């Protein structure tokens, strides 16, 4: 799963649209939409987006098993 797909999946599960996310971030909806369209997003920008949805970035060994029931997303 790509980063922007994971973020959109979180948005869907939390019923947060782009406009709502932008308002929580204090950014324009266009800027947030552009960020969500990027193939590569910086860690700083990703953290900013995730923070307002109460998510964080966690680094674990590659062989760590993650399950969907834990609301985990593997980004490649």
N, C-alpha and C. Protein backbone atom coordinates (compact mmCIF):
# COMPACT_ATOMS: atom_id res chain seq x y z
N UNK A 1 0.86 -1.18 0.00
CA UNK A 1 0.00 0.00 0.00
C UNK A 1 0.90 1.23 0.00
N UNK A 2 0.56 2.18 -0.81
CA UNK A 2 1.32 3.43 -0.86
C UNK A 2 0.86 4.35 0.27
N UNK A 3 1.71 5.29 0.60
CA UNK A 3 1.43 6.20 1.71
C UNK A 3 0.11 6.93 1.55
N UNK A 4 -0.12 7.49 0.37
CA UNK A 4 -1.37 8.24 0.18
C UNK A 4 -2.59 7.33 0.26
N UNK A 5 -2.45 6.07 -0.14
CA UNK A 5 -3.56 5.11 -0.02
C UNK A 5 -3.84 4.82 1.46
N UNK A 6 -2.78 4.68 2.25
CA UNK A 6 -2.95 4.41 3.68
C UNK A 6 -3.64 5.59 4.37
N UNK A 7 -3.22 6.80 4.04
CA UNK A 7 -3.83 7.98 4.64
C UNK A 7 -5.30 8.07 4.25
N UNK A 8 -5.60 7.83 2.99
CA UNK A 8 -7.01 7.87 2.55
C UNK A 8 -7.83 6.78 3.22
N UNK A 9 -7.24 5.63 3.47
CA UNK A 9 -7.93 4.55 4.17
C UNK A 9 -8.25 4.97 5.61
N UNK A 10 -7.31 5.61 6.26
CA UNK A 10 -7.54 6.12 7.62
C UNK A 10 -8.65 7.17 7.60
N UNK A 11 -8.58 8.08 6.62
CA UNK A 11 -9.61 9.11 6.50
C UNK A 11 -10.99 8.48 6.34
N UNK A 12 -11.08 7.46 5.52
CA UNK A 12 -12.36 6.79 5.30
C UNK A 12 -12.85 6.12 6.57
N UNK A 13 -11.95 5.43 7.28
CA UNK A 13 -12.36 4.73 8.50
C UNK A 13 -12.80 5.71 9.60
N UNK A 14 -12.24 6.92 9.59
CA UNK A 14 -12.59 7.92 10.60
C UNK A 14 -13.65 8.91 10.08
N UNK A 15 -14.11 8.68 8.84
CA UNK A 15 -15.12 9.53 8.20
C UNK A 15 -14.67 11.00 8.19
N UNK A 16 -13.44 11.20 7.73
CA UNK A 16 -12.86 12.55 7.62
C UNK A 16 -12.62 12.85 6.15
N UNK A 17 -13.24 13.89 5.65
CA UNK A 17 -13.03 14.32 4.27
C UNK A 17 -11.85 15.27 4.17
N UNK A 18 -11.48 15.57 2.96
CA UNK A 18 -10.34 16.46 2.71
C UNK A 18 -10.57 17.84 3.33
N UNK A 19 -11.77 18.37 3.21
CA UNK A 19 -12.06 19.70 3.77
C UNK A 19 -11.93 19.71 5.29
N UNK A 20 -12.43 18.67 5.93
CA UNK A 20 -12.34 18.56 7.39
C UNK A 20 -10.89 18.43 7.82
N UNK A 21 -10.15 17.57 7.12
CA UNK A 21 -8.74 17.38 7.43
C UNK A 21 -7.97 18.69 7.27
N UNK A 22 -8.24 19.40 6.20
CA UNK A 22 -7.57 20.68 5.95
C UNK A 22 -7.88 21.68 7.05
N UNK A 23 -9.14 21.74 7.48
CA UNK A 23 -9.52 22.67 8.55
C UNK A 23 -8.79 22.33 9.85
N UNK A 24 -8.69 21.05 10.16
CA UNK A 24 -8.00 20.63 11.39
C UNK A 24 -6.51 20.96 11.34
N UNK A 25 -5.96 20.94 10.12
CA UNK A 25 -4.54 21.24 9.94
C UNK A 25 -4.28 22.73 9.80
N UNK A 26 -5.32 23.52 9.57
CA UNK A 26 -5.14 24.94 9.34
C UNK A 26 -4.55 25.21 7.96
N UNK A 27 -4.84 24.33 7.01
CA UNK A 27 -4.32 24.44 5.64
C UNK A 27 -5.50 24.53 4.67
N UNK A 28 -5.21 24.88 3.45
CA UNK A 28 -6.27 24.93 2.43
C UNK A 28 -6.58 23.51 1.95
N UNK A 29 -7.84 23.27 1.60
CA UNK A 29 -8.20 21.95 1.07
C UNK A 29 -7.37 21.59 -0.16
N UNK A 30 -7.05 22.57 -1.00
CA UNK A 30 -6.24 22.31 -2.20
C UNK A 30 -4.85 21.80 -1.83
N UNK A 31 -4.23 22.41 -0.82
CA UNK A 31 -2.90 21.98 -0.39
C UNK A 31 -2.94 20.54 0.13
N UNK A 32 -3.94 20.24 0.95
CA UNK A 32 -4.06 18.89 1.51
C UNK A 32 -4.33 17.88 0.39
N UNK A 33 -5.19 18.24 -0.54
CA UNK A 33 -5.48 17.37 -1.67
C UNK A 33 -4.22 17.11 -2.50
N UNK A 34 -3.43 18.15 -2.71
CA UNK A 34 -2.17 17.99 -3.45
C UNK A 34 -1.22 17.05 -2.71
N UNK A 35 -1.13 17.20 -1.41
CA UNK A 35 -0.25 16.33 -0.62
C UNK A 35 -0.71 14.88 -0.69
N UNK A 36 -2.01 14.66 -0.66
CA UNK A 36 -2.55 13.31 -0.71
C UNK A 36 -2.41 12.68 -2.09
N UNK A 37 -2.10 13.49 -3.08
CA UNK A 37 -1.92 13.00 -4.45
C UNK A 37 -0.47 12.64 -4.74
N UNK A 38 0.44 13.04 -3.86
CA UNK A 38 1.87 12.81 -4.09
C UNK A 38 2.22 11.34 -3.90
N UNK A 39 3.07 10.84 -4.76
CA UNK A 39 3.60 9.48 -4.60
C UNK A 39 4.57 9.42 -3.42
N UNK A 40 5.41 10.44 -3.31
CA UNK A 40 6.38 10.53 -2.22
C UNK A 40 6.05 11.75 -1.39
N UNK A 41 5.79 11.54 -0.12
CA UNK A 41 5.49 12.65 0.78
C UNK A 41 6.55 12.62 1.89
N UNK A 42 7.00 13.77 2.31
CA UNK A 42 8.03 13.81 3.34
C UNK A 42 7.47 13.32 4.67
N UNK A 43 8.35 12.84 5.50
CA UNK A 43 7.95 12.37 6.83
C UNK A 43 7.31 13.51 7.62
N UNK A 44 7.85 14.71 7.49
CA UNK A 44 7.31 15.86 8.22
C UNK A 44 5.87 16.15 7.80
N UNK A 45 5.61 16.14 6.50
CA UNK A 45 4.26 16.41 6.01
C UNK A 45 3.31 15.27 6.36
N UNK A 46 3.80 14.04 6.27
CA UNK A 46 2.97 12.89 6.64
C UNK A 46 2.63 12.92 8.12
N UNK A 47 3.59 13.24 8.94
CA UNK A 47 3.36 13.34 10.39
C UNK A 47 2.33 14.40 10.70
N UNK A 48 2.39 15.52 10.01
CA UNK A 48 1.43 16.61 10.21
C UNK A 48 0.01 16.14 9.89
N UNK A 49 -0.14 15.39 8.81
CA UNK A 49 -1.45 14.87 8.43
C UNK A 49 -1.94 13.84 9.44
N UNK A 50 -1.07 12.91 9.80
CA UNK A 50 -1.45 11.83 10.71
C UNK A 50 -1.77 12.32 12.12
N UNK A 51 -1.06 13.34 12.56
CA UNK A 51 -1.25 13.85 13.92
C UNK A 51 -2.69 14.29 14.16
N UNK A 52 -3.31 14.96 13.19
CA UNK A 52 -4.67 15.46 13.38
C UNK A 52 -5.70 14.33 13.35
N UNK A 53 -5.27 13.14 12.89
CA UNK A 53 -6.17 11.98 12.89
C UNK A 53 -5.82 11.01 14.02
N UNK A 54 -4.96 11.45 14.93
CA UNK A 54 -4.51 10.64 16.07
C UNK A 54 -3.77 9.37 15.65
N UNK A 55 -2.94 9.48 14.61
CA UNK A 55 -2.07 8.39 14.19
C UNK A 55 -0.64 8.86 14.26
N UNK A 56 0.30 7.93 14.26
CA UNK A 56 1.71 8.26 14.28
C UNK A 56 2.47 7.26 13.42
N UNK A 57 3.68 7.61 13.09
CA UNK A 57 4.56 6.74 12.31
C UNK A 57 5.36 5.90 13.29
N UNK A 58 5.40 4.60 13.04
CA UNK A 58 6.16 3.68 13.90
C UNK A 58 7.05 2.83 12.99
N UNK A 59 8.30 2.71 13.35
CA UNK A 59 9.22 1.88 12.60
C UNK A 59 9.40 0.55 13.34
N UNK A 60 9.20 -0.53 12.61
CA UNK A 60 9.36 -1.87 13.20
C UNK A 60 10.18 -2.72 12.24
N UNK A 61 10.77 -3.79 12.75
CA UNK A 61 11.51 -4.67 11.84
C UNK A 61 10.58 -5.19 10.73
N UNK A 62 11.15 -5.36 9.55
CA UNK A 62 10.38 -5.77 8.38
C UNK A 62 9.61 -7.06 8.60
N UNK A 63 10.14 -7.97 9.37
CA UNK A 63 9.46 -9.26 9.55
C UNK A 63 8.39 -9.24 10.64
N UNK A 64 8.13 -8.08 11.22
CA UNK A 64 7.06 -7.94 12.22
C UNK A 64 5.72 -8.11 11.54
N UNK A 65 4.89 -8.96 12.10
CA UNK A 65 3.57 -9.21 11.53
C UNK A 65 2.58 -8.18 12.07
N UNK A 66 1.92 -7.50 11.15
CA UNK A 66 0.90 -6.52 11.50
C UNK A 66 -0.44 -7.04 11.03
N UNK A 67 -1.47 -6.77 11.78
CA UNK A 67 -2.79 -7.25 11.36
C UNK A 67 -3.74 -6.08 11.20
N UNK A 68 -4.65 -6.21 10.26
CA UNK A 68 -5.63 -5.16 9.98
C UNK A 68 -6.51 -4.89 11.19
N UNK A 69 -6.75 -5.92 12.00
CA UNK A 69 -7.60 -5.72 13.17
C UNK A 69 -6.97 -4.75 14.17
N UNK A 70 -5.68 -4.55 14.07
CA UNK A 70 -4.98 -3.61 14.94
C UNK A 70 -4.94 -2.21 14.34
N UNK A 71 -5.66 -1.99 13.22
CA UNK A 71 -5.65 -0.72 12.51
C UNK A 71 -4.25 -0.30 12.10
N UNK A 72 -3.49 -1.26 11.60
CA UNK A 72 -2.13 -1.01 11.13
C UNK A 72 -2.11 -0.97 9.61
N UNK A 73 -1.22 -0.17 9.07
CA UNK A 73 -1.08 -0.03 7.63
C UNK A 73 0.38 -0.20 7.28
N UNK A 74 0.67 -1.07 6.34
CA UNK A 74 2.04 -1.27 5.88
C UNK A 74 2.23 -0.46 4.62
N UNK A 75 3.18 0.46 4.66
CA UNK A 75 3.46 1.32 3.52
C UNK A 75 4.73 0.83 2.84
N UNK A 76 4.68 0.72 1.53
CA UNK A 76 5.85 0.24 0.78
C UNK A 76 6.37 1.32 -0.12
